Amino acid sequence: MFFRLRPYIPTALITLVLSYVCVQYLTGNKGFFSQEQRDRELVVKEQQLANLTAERTDLEARAKYLRIDHLSKDLLQERARVLLGLAEPNAYVIRLPAAPNAGS
């Protein structure tokens, strides 16, 4: 009787493997039913990219005016005051530690 069932073992294994693959296709991390979650993550990542692009553009513009060939005295003075802690000549600024963000 054991010899009669033996030809069905490969068929059973193939069926199990195909069942596993189908379940992963439907419910897996990148499966068919997780498309909405990926769409939400894409929107969040695109917003982060837009924010970082705007920040980079601003930093590039500021850096341009700090180079020797395009030196802006006002921007240089502002950066020096921020880095040295001066508000105006002969005045010092006392910095307090930043409050931690509640959302982070």
PDB file of N, CA and C in Angstrom:
ATOM      1  N   MET A   1       0.822  -1.186   0.000  1.00  0.00           N
ATOM      2  CA  MET A   1       0.000   0.000   0.000  1.00  0.00           C
ATOM      3  C   MET A   1       0.873   1.260   0.000  1.00  0.00           C
ATOM      4  N   PHE A   2       2.007   1.208   0.694  1.00  0.00           N
ATOM      5  CA  PHE A   2       2.912   2.343   0.719  1.00  0.00           C
ATOM      6  C   PHE A   2       3.438   2.657  -0.679  1.00  0.00           C
ATOM      7  N   PHE A   3       3.655   1.651  -1.472  1.00  0.00           N
ATOM      8  CA  PHE A   3       4.176   1.838  -2.824  1.00  0.00           C
ATOM      9  C   PHE A   3       3.148   2.473  -3.738  1.00  0.00           C
ATOM     10  N   ARG A   4       1.874   2.286  -3.449  1.00  0.00           N
ATOM     11  CA  ARG A   4       0.841   2.913  -4.276  1.00  0.00           C
ATOM     12  C   ARG A   4       0.767   4.424  -4.040  1.00  0.00           C
ATOM     13  N   LEU A   5       0.996   4.863  -2.825  1.00  0.00           N
ATOM     14  CA  LEU A   5       0.913   6.280  -2.504  1.00  0.00           C
ATOM     15  C   LEU A   5       2.160   7.039  -2.944  1.00  0.00           C
ATOM     16  N   ARG A   6       3.227   6.342  -3.166  1.00  0.00           N
ATOM     17  CA  ARG A   6       4.486   6.982  -3.488  1.00  0.00           C
ATOM     18  C   ARG A   6       4.429   7.887  -4.717  1.00  0.00           C
ATOM     19  N   PRO A   7       3.765   7.570  -5.807  1.00  0.00           N
ATOM     20  CA  PRO A   7       3.726   8.485  -6.955  1.00  0.00           C
ATOM     21  C   PRO A   7       2.994   9.799  -6.658  1.00  0.00           C
ATOM     22  N   TYR A   8       2.210   9.845  -5.617  1.00  0.00           N
ATOM     23  CA  TYR A   8       1.461  11.055  -5.293  1.00  0.00           C
ATOM     24  C   TYR A   8       2.261  12.043  -4.436  1.00  0.00           C
ATOM     25  N   ILE A   9       3.374  11.605  -3.901  1.00  0.00           N
ATOM     26  CA  ILE A   9       4.195  12.479  -3.053  1.00  0.00           C
ATOM     27  C   ILE A   9       4.709  13.693  -3.832  1.00  0.00           C
ATOM     28  N   PRO A  10       5.282  13.542  -5.031  1.00  0.00           N
ATOM     29  CA  PRO A  10       5.704  14.750  -5.763  1.00  0.00           C
ATOM     30  C   PRO A  10       4.553  15.692  -6.080  1.00  0.00           C
ATOM     31  N   THR A  11       3.405  15.120  -6.394  1.00  0.00           N
ATOM     32  CA  THR A  11       2.241  15.960  -6.677  1.00  0.00           C
ATOM     33  C   THR A  11       1.831  16.743  -5.426  1.00  0.00           C
ATOM     34  N   ALA A  12       1.867  16.094  -4.272  1.00  0.00           N
ATOM     35  CA  ALA A  12       1.515  16.761  -3.023  1.00  0.00           C
ATOM     36  C   ALA A  12       2.527  17.859  -2.704  1.00  0.00           C
ATOM     37  N   LEU A  13       3.822  17.597  -2.909  1.00  0.00           N
ATOM     38  CA  LEU A  13       4.843  18.611  -2.655  1.00  0.00           C
ATOM     39  C   LEU A  13       4.685  19.806  -3.588  1.00  0.00           C
ATOM     40  N   ILE A  14       4.424  19.546  -4.850  1.00  0.00           N
ATOM     41  CA  ILE A  14       4.219  20.644  -5.811  1.00  0.00           C
ATOM     42  C   ILE A  14       2.988  21.459  -5.423  1.00  0.00           C
ATOM     43  N   THR A  15       1.944  20.782  -4.980  1.00  0.00           N
ATOM     44  CA  THR A  15       0.729  21.477  -4.555  1.00  0.00           C
ATOM     45  C   THR A  15       1.006  22.356  -3.334  1.00  0.00           C
ATOM     46  N   LEU A  16       1.773  21.853  -2.390  1.00  0.00           N
ATOM     47  CA  LEU A  16       2.115  22.645  -1.206  1.00  0.00           C
ATOM     48  C   LEU A  16       2.953  23.863  -1.580  1.00  0.00           C
ATOM     49  N   VAL A  17       3.931  23.686  -2.443  1.00  0.00           N
ATOM     50  CA  VAL A  17       4.777  24.798  -2.851  1.00  0.00           C
ATOM     51  C   VAL A  17       3.959  25.843  -3.597  1.00  0.00           C
ATOM     52  N   LEU A  18       3.120  25.423  -4.518  1.00  0.00           N
ATOM     53  CA  LEU A  18       2.282  26.376  -5.257  1.00  0.00           C
ATOM     54  C   LEU A  18       1.310  27.094  -4.330  1.00  0.00           C
ATOM     55  N   SER A  19       0.771  26.380  -3.345  1.00  0.00           N
ATOM     56  CA  SER A  19      -0.139  27.017  -2.383  1.00  0.00           C
ATOM     57  C   SER A  19       0.600  28.092  -1.591  1.00  0.00           C
ATOM     58  N   TYR A  20       1.813  27.779  -1.148  1.00  0.00           N
ATOM     59  CA  TYR A  20       2.608  28.745  -0.400  1.00  0.00           C
ATOM     60  C   TYR A  20       2.901  29.981  -1.251  1.00  0.00           C
ATOM     61  N   VAL A  21       3.306  29.777  -2.493  1.00  0.00           N
ATOM     62  CA  VAL A  21       3.614  30.891  -3.384  1.00  0.00           C
ATOM     63  C   VAL A  21       2.375  31.752  -3.627  1.00  0.00           C
ATOM     64  N   CYS A  22       1.231  31.122  -3.808  1.00  0.00           N
ATOM     65  CA  CYS A  22      -0.009  31.888  -4.043  1.00  0.00           C
ATOM     66  C   CYS A  22      -0.391  32.713  -2.815  1.00  0.00           C
ATOM     67  N   VAL A  23      -0.257  32.127  -1.632  1.00  0.00           N
ATOM     68  CA  VAL A  23      -0.581  32.863  -0.408  1.00  0.00           C
ATOM     69  C   VAL A  23       0.363  34.052  -0.251  1.00  0.00           C
ATOM     70  N   GLN A  24       1.653  33.858  -0.526  1.00  0.00           N
ATOM     71  CA  GLN A  24       2.611  34.962  -0.426  1.00  0.00           C
ATOM     72  C   GLN A  24       2.320  36.041  -1.462  1.00  0.00           C
ATOM     73  N   TYR A  25       1.900  35.647  -2.638  1.00  0.00           N
ATOM     74  CA  TYR A  25       1.558  36.630  -3.677  1.00  0.00           C
ATOM     75  C   TYR A  25       0.401  37.510  -3.224  1.00  0.00           C
ATOM     76  N   LEU A  26      -0.560  36.920  -2.550  1.00  0.00           N
ATOM     77  CA  LEU A  26      -1.741  37.673  -2.149  1.00  0.00           C
ATOM     78  C   LEU A  26      -1.527  38.468  -0.863  1.00  0.00           C
ATOM     79  N   THR A  27      -0.862  37.881   0.116  1.00  0.00           N
ATOM     80  CA  THR A  27      -0.804  38.511   1.434  1.00  0.00           C
ATOM     81  C   THR A  27       0.599  38.875   1.885  1.00  0.00           C
ATOM     82  N   GLY A  28       1.594  38.659   1.083  1.00  0.00           N
ATOM     83  CA  GLY A  28       2.979  38.903   1.488  1.00  0.00           C
ATOM     84  C   GLY A  28       3.300  40.379   1.641  1.00  0.00           C
ATOM     85  N   ASN A  29       4.540  40.647   1.973  1.00  0.00           N
ATOM     86  CA  ASN A  29       5.016  42.007   2.210  1.00  0.00           C
ATOM     87  C   ASN A  29       4.794  42.903   0.994  1.00  0.00           C
ATOM     88  N   LYS A  30       4.993  42.381  -0.175  1.00  0.00           N
ATOM     89  CA  LYS A  30       4.750  43.133  -1.409  1.00  0.00           C
ATOM     90  C   LYS A  30       3.644  42.471  -2.212  1.00  0.00           C
ATOM     91  N   GLY A  31       2.715  41.890  -1.509  1.00  0.00           N
ATOM     92  CA  GLY A  31       1.643  41.136  -2.143  1.00  0.00           C
ATOM     93  C   GLY A  31       0.555  42.018  -2.729  1.00  0.00           C
ATOM     94  N   PHE A  32      -0.395  41.353  -3.341  1.00  0.00           N
ATOM     95  CA  PHE A  32      -1.491  42.009  -4.047  1.00  0.00           C
ATOM     96  C   PHE A  32      -2.335  42.870  -3.107  1.00  0.00           C
ATOM     97  N   PHE A  33      -2.600  42.386  -1.902  1.00  0.00           N
ATOM     98  CA  PHE A  33      -3.484  43.095  -0.979  1.00  0.00           C
ATOM     99  C   PHE A  33      -2.785  44.188  -0.178  1.00  0.00           C
ATOM    100  N   SER A  34      -1.490  44.345  -0.332  1.00  0.00           N
ATOM    101  CA  SER A  34      -0.785  45.390   0.406  1.00  0.00           C
ATOM    102  C   SER A  34      -0.518  46.628  -0.464  1.00  0.00           C
ATOM    103  N   GLN A  35      -1.183  46.761  -1.580  1.00  0.00           N
ATOM    104  CA  GLN A  35      -0.986  47.892  -2.486  1.00  0.00           C
ATOM    105  C   GLN A  35      -1.360  49.220  -1.827  1.00  0.00           C
ATOM    106  N   GLU A  36      -2.438  49.254  -1.056  1.00  0.00           N
ATOM    107  CA  GLU A  36      -2.862  50.504  -0.406  1.00  0.00           C
ATOM    108  C   GLU A  36      -1.815  50.993   0.581  1.00  0.00           C
ATOM    109  N   GLN A  37      -1.238  50.071   1.324  1.00  0.00           N
ATOM    110  CA  GLN A  37      -0.200  50.455   2.285  1.00  0.00           C
ATOM    111  C   GLN A  37       1.012  51.015   1.540  1.00  0.00           C
ATOM    112  N   ARG A  38       1.388  50.415   0.433  1.00  0.00           N
ATOM    113  CA  ARG A  38       2.517  50.920  -0.346  1.00  0.00           C
ATOM    114  C   ARG A  38       2.201  52.287  -0.928  1.00  0.00           C
ATOM    115  N   ASP A  39       0.956  52.507  -1.329  1.00  0.00           N
ATOM    116  CA  ASP A  39       0.570  53.822  -1.847  1.00  0.00           C
ATOM    117  C   ASP A  39       0.674  54.892  -0.763  1.00  0.00           C
ATOM    118  N   ARG A  40       0.248  54.567   0.463  1.00  0.00           N
ATOM    119  CA  ARG A  40       0.361  55.518   1.579  1.00  0.00           C
ATOM    120  C   ARG A  40       1.823  55.816   1.887  1.00  0.00           C
ATOM    121  N   GLU A  41       2.659  54.785   1.891  1.00  0.00           N
ATOM    122  CA  GLU A  41       4.090  54.995   2.147  1.00  0.00           C
ATOM    123  C   GLU A  41       4.718  55.843   1.042  1.00  0.00           C
ATOM    124  N   LEU A  42       4.266  55.644  -0.190  1.00  0.00           N
ATOM    125  CA  LEU A  42       4.793  56.422  -1.308  1.00  0.00           C
ATOM    126  C   LEU A  42       4.462  57.900  -1.146  1.00  0.00           C
ATOM    127  N   VAL A  43       3.255  58.215  -0.717  1.00  0.00           N
ATOM    128  CA  VAL A  43       2.860  59.613  -0.510  1.00  0.00           C
ATOM    129  C   VAL A  43       3.723  60.246   0.580  1.00  0.00           C
ATOM    130  N   VAL A  44       3.962  59.512   1.666  1.00  0.00           N
ATOM    131  CA  VAL A  44       4.788  60.030   2.759  1.00  0.00           C
ATOM    132  C   VAL A  44       6.213  60.257   2.275  1.00  0.00           C
ATOM    133  N   LYS A  45       6.756  59.308   1.541  1.00  0.00           N
ATOM    134  CA  LYS A  45       8.132  59.432   1.052  1.00  0.00           C
ATOM    135  C   LYS A  45       8.266  60.568   0.038  1.00  0.00           C
ATOM    136  N   GLU A  46       7.259  60.772  -0.800  1.00  0.00           N
ATOM    137  CA  GLU A  46       7.303  61.884  -1.749  1.00  0.00           C
ATOM    138  C   GLU A  46       7.268  63.228  -1.023  1.00  0.00           C
ATOM    139  N   GLN A  47       6.500  63.316   0.054  1.00  0.00           N
ATOM    140  CA  GLN A  47       6.463  64.544   0.852  1.00  0.00           C
ATOM    141  C   GLN A  47       7.813  64.800   1.507  1.00  0.00           C
ATOM    142  N   GLN A  48       8.427  63.746   2.039  1.00  0.00           N
ATOM    143  CA  GLN A  48       9.754  63.890   2.634  1.00  0.00           C
ATOM    144  C   GLN A  48      10.768  64.331   1.581  1.00  0.00           C
ATOM    145  N   LEU A  49      10.671  63.764   0.387  1.00  0.00           N
ATOM    146  CA  LEU A  49      11.582  64.145  -0.686  1.00  0.00           C
ATOM    147  C   LEU A  49      11.402  65.611  -1.055  1.00  0.00           C
ATOM    148  N   ALA A  50      10.156  66.077  -1.131  1.00  0.00           N
ATOM    149  CA  ALA A  50       9.899  67.475  -1.457  1.00  0.00           C
ATOM    150  C   ALA A  50      10.482  68.396  -0.378  1.00  0.00           C
ATOM    151  N   ASN A  51      10.314  68.015   0.892  1.00  0.00           N
ATOM    152  CA  ASN A  51      10.861  68.826   1.988  1.00  0.00           C
ATOM    153  C   ASN A  51      12.384  68.870   1.931  1.00  0.00           C
ATOM    154  N   LEU A  52      13.004  67.725   1.699  1.00  0.00           N
ATOM    155  CA  LEU A  52      14.465  67.688   1.636  1.00  0.00           C
ATOM    156  C   LEU A  52      15.001  68.431   0.420  1.00  0.00           C
ATOM    157  N   THR A  53      14.275  68.369  -0.688  1.00  0.00           N
ATOM    158  CA  THR A  53      14.691  69.097  -1.887  1.00  0.00           C
ATOM    159  C   THR A  53      14.637  70.603  -1.645  1.00  0.00           C
ATOM    160  N   ALA A  54      13.582  71.063  -0.995  1.00  0.00           N
ATOM    161  CA  ALA A  54      13.471  72.490  -0.685  1.00  0.00           C
ATOM    162  C   ALA A  54      14.564  72.923   0.287  1.00  0.00           C
ATOM    163  N   GLU A  55      14.849  72.081   1.279  1.00  0.00           N
ATOM    164  CA  GLU A  55      15.902  72.405   2.242  1.00  0.00           C
ATOM    165  C   GLU A  55      17.272  72.453   1.551  1.00  0.00           C
ATOM    166  N   ARG A  56      17.500  71.507   0.653  1.00  0.00           N
ATOM    167  CA  ARG A  56      18.777  71.499  -0.061  1.00  0.00           C
ATOM    168  C   ARG A  56      18.924  72.730  -0.937  1.00  0.00           C
ATOM    169  N   THR A  57      17.850  73.112  -1.621  1.00  0.00           N
ATOM    170  CA  THR A  57      17.891  74.308  -2.468  1.00  0.00           C
ATOM    171  C   THR A  57      18.223  75.540  -1.635  1.00  0.00           C
ATOM    172  N   ASP A  58      17.606  75.645  -0.462  1.00  0.00           N
ATOM    173  CA  ASP A  58      17.877  76.775   0.418  1.00  0.00           C
ATOM    174  C   ASP A  58      19.328  76.764   0.886  1.00  0.00           C
ATOM    175  N   LEU A  59      19.828  75.587   1.275  1.00  0.00           N
ATOM    176  CA  LEU A  59      21.207  75.503   1.731  1.00  0.00           C
ATOM    177  C   LEU A  59      22.198  75.803   0.615  1.00  0.00           C
ATOM    178  N   GLU A  60      21.898  75.368  -0.601  1.00  0.00           N
ATOM    179  CA  GLU A  60      22.780  75.670  -1.732  1.00  0.00           C
ATOM    180  C   GLU A  60      22.812  77.170  -2.016  1.00  0.00           C
ATOM    181  N   ALA A  61      21.653  77.821  -1.908  1.00  0.00           N
ATOM    182  CA  ALA A  61      21.606  79.267  -2.133  1.00  0.00           C
ATOM    183  C   ALA A  61      22.407  80.005  -1.062  1.00  0.00           C
ATOM    184  N   ARG A  62      22.278  79.553   0.195  1.00  0.00           N
ATOM    185  CA  ARG A  62      23.035  80.193   1.272  1.00  0.00           C
ATOM    186  C   ARG A  62      24.537  79.955   1.099  1.00  0.00           C
ATOM    187  N   ALA A  63      24.892  78.737   0.722  1.00  0.00           N
ATOM    188  CA  ALA A  63      26.310  78.415   0.543  1.00  0.00           C
ATOM    189  C   ALA A  63      26.915  79.208  -0.613  1.00  0.00           C
ATOM    190  N   LYS A  64      26.103  79.469  -1.621  1.00  0.00           N
ATOM    191  CA  LYS A  64      26.586  80.246  -2.775  1.00  0.00           C
ATOM    192  C   LYS A  64      27.036  81.636  -2.337  1.00  0.00           C
ATOM    193  N   TYR A  65      26.292  82.230  -1.416  1.00  0.00           N
ATOM    194  CA  TYR A  65      26.619  83.585  -0.975  1.00  0.00           C
ATOM    195  C   TYR A  65      27.730  83.614   0.069  1.00  0.00           C
ATOM    196  N   LEU A  66      28.158  82.445   0.552  1.00  0.00           N
ATOM    197  CA  LEU A  66      29.275  82.401   1.491  1.00  0.00           C
ATOM    198  C   LEU A  66      30.597  82.102   0.790  1.00  0.00           C
ATOM    199  N   ARG A  67      30.571  81.841  -0.513  1.00  0.00           N
ATOM    200  CA  ARG A  67      31.808  81.611  -1.251  1.00  0.00           C
ATOM    201  C   ARG A  67      32.509  82.939  -1.507  1.00  0.00           C
ATOM    202  N   ILE A  68      33.792  82.878  -1.703  1.00  0.00           N
ATOM    203  CA  ILE A  68      34.593  84.096  -1.848  1.00  0.00           C
ATOM    204  C   ILE A  68      34.173  84.921  -3.057  1.00  0.00           C
ATOM    205  N   ASP A  69      33.844  84.259  -4.171  1.00  0.00           N
ATOM    206  CA  ASP A  69      33.498  85.022  -5.369  1.00  0.00           C
ATOM    207  C   ASP A  69      32.108  85.660  -5.293  1.00  0.00           C
ATOM    208  N   HIS A  70      31.225  85.183  -4.409  1.00  0.00           N
ATOM    209  CA  HIS A  70      29.882  85.761  -4.255  1.00  0.00           C
ATOM    210  C   HIS A  70      29.621  86.100  -2.789  1.00  0.00           C
ATOM    211  N   LEU A  71      30.581  86.639  -2.110  1.00  0.00           N
ATOM    212  CA  LEU A  71      30.472  86.856  -0.664  1.00  0.00           C
ATOM    213  C   LEU A  71      29.446  87.946  -0.345  1.00  0.00           C
ATOM    214  N   SER A  72      28.475  87.592   0.480  1.00  0.00           N
ATOM    215  CA  SER A  72      27.479  88.539   0.962  1.00  0.00           C
ATOM    216  C   SER A  72      27.847  88.900   2.401  1.00  0.00           C
ATOM    217  N   LYS A  73      28.182  90.147   2.634  1.00  0.00           N
ATOM    218  CA  LYS A  73      28.611  90.567   3.965  1.00  0.00           C
ATOM    219  C   LYS A  73      27.499  90.400   4.993  1.00  0.00           C
ATOM    220  N   ASP A  74      26.253  90.667   4.589  1.00  0.00           N
ATOM    221  CA  ASP A  74      25.141  90.531   5.530  1.00  0.00           C
ATOM    222  C   ASP A  74      24.965  89.072   5.968  1.00  0.00           C
ATOM    223  N   LEU A  75      25.016  88.158   5.004  1.00  0.00           N
ATOM    224  CA  LEU A  75      24.851  86.751   5.343  1.00  0.00           C
ATOM    225  C   LEU A  75      26.032  86.252   6.172  1.00  0.00           C
ATOM    226  N   LEU A  76      27.224  86.693   5.833  1.00  0.00           N
ATOM    227  CA  LEU A  76      28.408  86.309   6.595  1.00  0.00           C
ATOM    228  C   LEU A  76      28.311  86.829   8.032  1.00  0.00           C
ATOM    229  N   GLN A  77      27.864  88.056   8.198  1.00  0.00           N
ATOM    230  CA  GLN A  77      27.709  88.624   9.534  1.00  0.00           C
ATOM    231  C   GLN A  77      26.637  87.876  10.321  1.00  0.00           C
ATOM    232  N   GLU A  78      25.541  87.521   9.664  1.00  0.00           N
ATOM    233  CA  GLU A  78      24.473  86.774  10.327  1.00  0.00           C
ATOM    234  C   GLU A  78      24.984  85.417  10.806  1.00  0.00           C
ATOM    235  N   ARG A  79      25.705  84.691   9.945  1.00  0.00           N
ATOM    236  CA  ARG A  79      26.224  83.379  10.324  1.00  0.00           C
ATOM    237  C   ARG A  79      27.239  83.493  11.459  1.00  0.00           C
ATOM    238  N   ALA A  80      28.083  84.526  11.402  1.00  0.00           N
ATOM    239  CA  ALA A  80      29.073  84.712  12.463  1.00  0.00           C
ATOM    240  C   ALA A  80      28.389  84.986  13.800  1.00  0.00           C
ATOM    241  N   ARG A  81      27.343  85.767  13.785  1.00  0.00           N
ATOM    242  CA  ARG A  81      26.622  86.070  15.027  1.00  0.00           C
ATOM    243  C   ARG A  81      25.925  84.824  15.566  1.00  0.00           C
ATOM    244  N   VAL A  82      25.366  84.024  14.682  1.00  0.00           N
ATOM    245  CA  VAL A  82      24.702  82.804  15.138  1.00  0.00           C
ATOM    246  C   VAL A  82      25.722  81.840  15.734  1.00  0.00           C
ATOM    247  N   LEU A  83      26.842  81.654  15.052  1.00  0.00           N
ATOM    248  CA  LEU A  83      27.852  80.708  15.536  1.00  0.00           C
ATOM    249  C   LEU A  83      28.546  81.187  16.797  1.00  0.00           C
ATOM    250  N   LEU A  84      28.768  82.475  16.917  1.00  0.00           N
ATOM    251  CA  LEU A  84      29.464  83.008  18.083  1.00  0.00           C
ATOM    252  C   LEU A  84      28.522  83.364  19.228  1.00  0.00           C
ATOM    253  N   GLY A  85      27.224  83.381  18.967  1.00  0.00           N
ATOM    254  CA  GLY A  85      26.267  83.697  20.017  1.00  0.00           C
ATOM    255  C   GLY A  85      26.098  85.183  20.251  1.00  0.00           C
ATOM    256  N   LEU A  86      26.387  86.019  19.276  1.00  0.00           N
ATOM    257  CA  LEU A  86      26.244  87.465  19.411  1.00  0.00           C
ATOM    258  C   LEU A  86      24.961  87.931  18.732  1.00  0.00           C
ATOM    259  N   ALA A  87      24.247  88.826  19.366  1.00  0.00           N
ATOM    260  CA  ALA A  87      23.037  89.386  18.769  1.00  0.00           C
ATOM    261  C   ALA A  87      23.380  90.682  18.050  1.00  0.00           C
ATOM    262  N   GLU A  88      24.202  91.477  18.637  1.00  0.00           N
ATOM    263  CA  GLU A  88      24.682  92.718  18.049  1.00  0.00           C
ATOM    264  C   GLU A  88      26.021  93.011  18.708  1.00  0.00           C
ATOM    265  N   PRO A  89      26.737  93.989  18.245  1.00  0.00           N
ATOM    266  CA  PRO A  89      28.052  94.236  18.853  1.00  0.00           C
ATOM    267  C   PRO A  89      27.943  94.412  20.373  1.00  0.00           C
ATOM    268  N   ASN A  90      28.834  93.740  21.089  1.00  0.00           N
ATOM    269  CA  ASN A  90      28.920  93.806  22.550  1.00  0.00           C
ATOM    270  C   ASN A  90      27.711  93.198  23.258  1.00  0.00           C
ATOM    271  N   ALA A  91      26.924  92.366  22.604  1.00  0.00           N
ATOM    272  CA  ALA A  91      25.780  91.712  23.238  1.00  0.00           C
ATOM    273  C   ALA A  91      25.930  90.205  23.046  1.00  0.00           C
ATOM    274  N   TYR A  92      25.616  89.456  24.102  1.00  0.00           N
ATOM    275  CA  TYR A  92      25.710  88.003  24.064  1.00  0.00           C
ATOM    276  C   TYR A  92      24.319  87.394  24.191  1.00  0.00           C
ATOM    277  N   VAL A  93      24.141  86.241  23.566  1.00  0.00           N
ATOM    278  CA  VAL A  93      22.871  85.523  23.630  1.00  0.00           C
ATOM    279  C   VAL A  93      23.095  84.257  24.437  1.00  0.00           C
ATOM    280  N   ILE A  94      22.207  83.997  25.378  1.00  0.00           N
ATOM    281  CA  ILE A  94      22.279  82.768  26.167  1.00  0.00           C
ATOM    282  C   ILE A  94      21.309  81.785  25.538  1.00  0.00           C
ATOM    283  N   ARG A  95      21.844  80.693  25.064  1.00  0.00           N
ATOM    284  CA  ARG A  95      21.004  79.691  24.406  1.00  0.00           C
ATOM    285  C   ARG A  95      20.518  78.667  25.408  1.00  0.00           C
ATOM    286  N   LEU A  96      19.238  78.341  25.301  1.00  0.00           N
ATOM    287  CA  LEU A  96      18.649  77.297  26.141  1.00  0.00           C
ATOM    288  C   LEU A  96      18.578  76.022  25.309  1.00  0.00           C
ATOM    289  N   PRO A  97      18.653  74.861  25.958  1.00  0.00           N
ATOM    290  CA  PRO A  97      18.553  73.612  25.194  1.00  0.00           C
ATOM    291  C   PRO A  97      17.173  73.513  24.552  1.00  0.00           C
ATOM    292  N   ALA A  98      17.152  72.974  23.348  1.00  0.00           N
ATOM    293  CA  ALA A  98      15.898  72.843  22.612  1.00  0.00           C
ATOM    294  C   ALA A  98      14.996  71.817  23.301  1.00  0.00           C
ATOM    295  N   ALA A  99      13.701  72.119  23.332  1.00  0.00           N
ATOM    296  CA  ALA A  99      12.737  71.198  23.933  1.00  0.00           C
ATOM    297  C   ALA A  99      12.579  70.002  23.010  1.00  0.00           C
ATOM    298  N   PRO A 100      12.518  68.782  23.553  1.00  0.00           N
ATOM    299  CA  PRO A 100      12.331  67.611  22.690  1.00  0.00           C
ATOM    300  C   PRO A 100      10.961  67.650  22.038  1.00  0.00           C
ATOM    301  N   ASN A 101      10.915  67.177  20.790  1.00  0.00           N
ATOM    302  CA  ASN A 101       9.642  67.158  20.058  1.00  0.00           C
ATOM    303  C   ASN A 101       8.739  66.078  20.633  1.00  0.00           C
ATOM    304  N   ALA A 102       7.475  66.427  20.846  1.00  0.00           N
ATOM    305  CA  ALA A 102       6.520  65.470  21.371  1.00  0.00           C
ATOM    306  C   ALA A 102       6.127  64.456  20.317  1.00  0.00           C
ATOM    307  N   GLY A 103       6.166  64.832  19.049  1.00  0.00           N
ATOM    308  CA  GLY A 103       5.750  63.936  17.971  1.00  0.00           C
ATOM    309  C   GLY A 103       6.810  62.931  17.589  1.00  0.00           C
ATOM    310  N   SER A 104       8.077  63.154  17.947  1.00  0.00           N
ATOM    311  CA  SER A 104       9.153  62.240  17.542  1.00  0.00           C
ATOM    312  C   SER A 104       9.306  61.111  18.524  1.00  0.00           C
TER     313      SER A 104
END
